[in-house]
Amino acid sequence: KNKEKRKEQMRLYNIENKERIKEYDKEYKQSEQGIKTRRISKWISRGILCFDFDLLYDIFVKTTNCEFCNCELNTDSRNRRCLDHNHNITDRFNVRGVLCNSCNVKDVLKD
């Protein structure tokens, strides 16, 4: 009974504070923590398996060169930083490396 009451209170709060919540979400998504959370969520939804996503994210962000062709990673589409992983879901740790988009598309680190 109390659970239903709290649920209704949250629903009313969300309705009354819709703009405030929307603004907060926009700010959070642009914050360092928001960017990290969204990136890790995308990895998980794409089947990335890892014991420590915080460590993986730190390695991903700090990697400056492609681990295959050694080109400098940046934000353009060709040299964009990508997390290459093995799609075989039986592996407990399936990350293979941080690559540029070109090497990732070529799938240079085949199993």
Protein backbone atom coordinates (compact mmCIF):
# COMPACT_ATOMS: atom_id res chain seq x y z
CA LYS A 1 0.00 0.00 0.00
CA ASN A 2 2.81 2.40 0.92
CA LYS A 3 4.65 1.44 -2.27
CA GLU A 4 1.67 2.49 -4.39
CA LYS A 5 1.42 5.79 -2.50
CA ARG A 6 5.11 6.57 -3.10
CA LYS A 7 4.75 5.64 -6.74
CA GLU A 8 1.85 8.08 -7.13
CA GLN A 9 3.83 10.82 -5.32
CA MET A 10 6.75 10.32 -7.73
CA ARG A 11 4.42 10.45 -10.71
CA LEU A 12 2.95 13.76 -9.49
CA TYR A 13 6.42 15.16 -8.72
CA ASN A 14 7.57 14.28 -12.25
CA ILE A 15 4.55 15.99 -13.78
CA GLU A 16 4.95 19.14 -11.68
CA ASN A 17 8.71 19.39 -12.24
CA LYS A 18 8.92 18.26 -15.84
CA GLU A 19 10.98 21.25 -17.08
CA ARG A 20 13.30 21.19 -14.08
CA ILE A 21 13.96 17.48 -14.56
CA LYS A 22 14.50 17.98 -18.30
CA GLU A 23 17.07 20.74 -17.64
CA TYR A 24 18.88 18.64 -15.04
CA ASP A 25 19.03 15.66 -17.44
CA LYS A 26 20.44 17.89 -20.19
CA GLU A 27 23.17 19.22 -17.88
CA TYR A 28 23.98 15.75 -16.55
CA LYS A 29 24.31 14.24 -20.03
CA GLN A 30 26.94 16.88 -20.85
CA SER A 31 28.88 16.38 -17.61
CA GLU A 32 31.93 14.13 -17.40
CA GLN A 33 30.04 11.58 -15.30
CA GLY A 34 27.04 11.66 -17.64
CA ILE A 35 29.23 11.05 -20.69
CA LYS A 36 30.97 8.17 -18.91
CA THR A 37 27.68 6.61 -17.80
CA ARG A 38 26.18 6.79 -21.29
CA ARG A 39 29.32 5.32 -22.90
CA ILE A 40 29.42 2.38 -20.47
CA SER A 41 25.67 1.80 -20.93
CA LYS A 42 26.19 1.63 -24.71
CA TRP A 43 29.03 -0.86 -24.26
CA ILE A 44 26.87 -3.07 -22.06
CA SER A 45 23.96 -2.92 -24.51
CA ARG A 46 26.33 -3.95 -27.33
CA GLY A 47 27.57 -6.98 -25.44
CA ILE A 48 30.87 -5.73 -24.00
CA LEU A 49 31.85 -7.92 -21.05
CA CYS A 50 34.21 -6.56 -18.41
CA PHE A 51 35.02 -6.98 -14.74
CA ASP A 52 35.81 -3.28 -14.16
CA PHE A 53 34.06 -0.82 -16.49
CA ASP A 54 35.59 2.18 -14.66
CA LEU A 55 39.09 0.95 -15.45
CA LEU A 56 38.11 0.11 -19.03
CA TYR A 57 36.66 3.60 -19.50
CA ASP A 58 39.85 5.21 -18.12
CA ILE A 59 41.98 3.17 -20.53
CA PHE A 60 39.62 4.03 -23.41
CA VAL A 61 39.76 7.77 -22.71
CA LYS A 62 43.53 7.87 -22.16
CA THR A 63 44.42 5.91 -25.30
CA THR A 64 45.74 8.44 -27.81
CA ASN A 65 46.79 6.18 -30.69
CA CYS A 66 45.19 3.24 -32.47
CA GLU A 67 46.58 -0.01 -31.09
CA PHE A 68 46.87 -1.46 -34.63
CA CYS A 69 47.92 1.28 -37.07
CA ASN A 70 49.22 3.77 -34.45
CA CYS A 71 47.37 6.75 -35.98
CA GLU A 72 46.36 9.54 -33.61
CA LEU A 73 42.79 9.17 -32.36
CA ASN A 74 40.49 12.19 -32.55
CA THR A 75 36.82 13.03 -33.08
CA ASP A 76 36.55 12.80 -36.87
CA SER A 77 34.82 9.72 -38.27
CA ARG A 78 37.91 8.05 -39.75
CA ASN A 79 40.13 8.28 -36.66
CA ARG A 80 37.37 8.15 -34.05
CA ARG A 81 38.18 6.07 -30.97
CA CYS A 82 36.41 2.66 -30.97
CA LEU A 83 36.41 -0.16 -28.46
CA ASP A 84 37.00 -3.35 -30.42
CA HIS A 85 35.52 -6.49 -28.91
CA ASN A 86 34.97 -10.14 -29.64
CA HIS A 87 31.31 -10.87 -30.40
CA ASN A 88 31.62 -14.40 -29.00
CA ILE A 89 29.53 -14.07 -25.84
CA THR A 90 31.18 -17.09 -24.19
CA ASP A 91 34.30 -15.02 -23.47
CA ARG A 92 34.31 -13.55 -19.97
CA PHE A 93 36.42 -10.56 -21.08
CA ASN A 94 35.85 -9.82 -24.73
CA VAL A 95 37.59 -6.45 -25.25
CA ARG A 96 40.42 -6.69 -27.77
CA GLY A 97 41.67 -3.12 -27.93
CA VAL A 98 41.11 0.56 -28.62
CA LEU A 99 41.24 1.16 -32.36
CA CYS A 100 40.54 3.92 -34.84
CA ASN A 101 37.25 3.58 -36.69
CA SER A 102 39.05 2.55 -39.90
CA CYS A 103 40.80 -0.41 -38.27
CA ASN A 104 37.66 -1.35 -36.34
CA VAL A 105 35.58 -1.45 -39.54
CA LYS A 106 38.27 -3.57 -41.26
CA ASP A 107 38.13 -5.92 -38.23
CA VAL A 108 41.93 -6.20 -38.16
CA LEU A 109 41.99 -8.07 -34.84
CA LYS A 110 40.00 -11.11 -35.95
CA ASP A 111 39.91 -14.12 -33.66
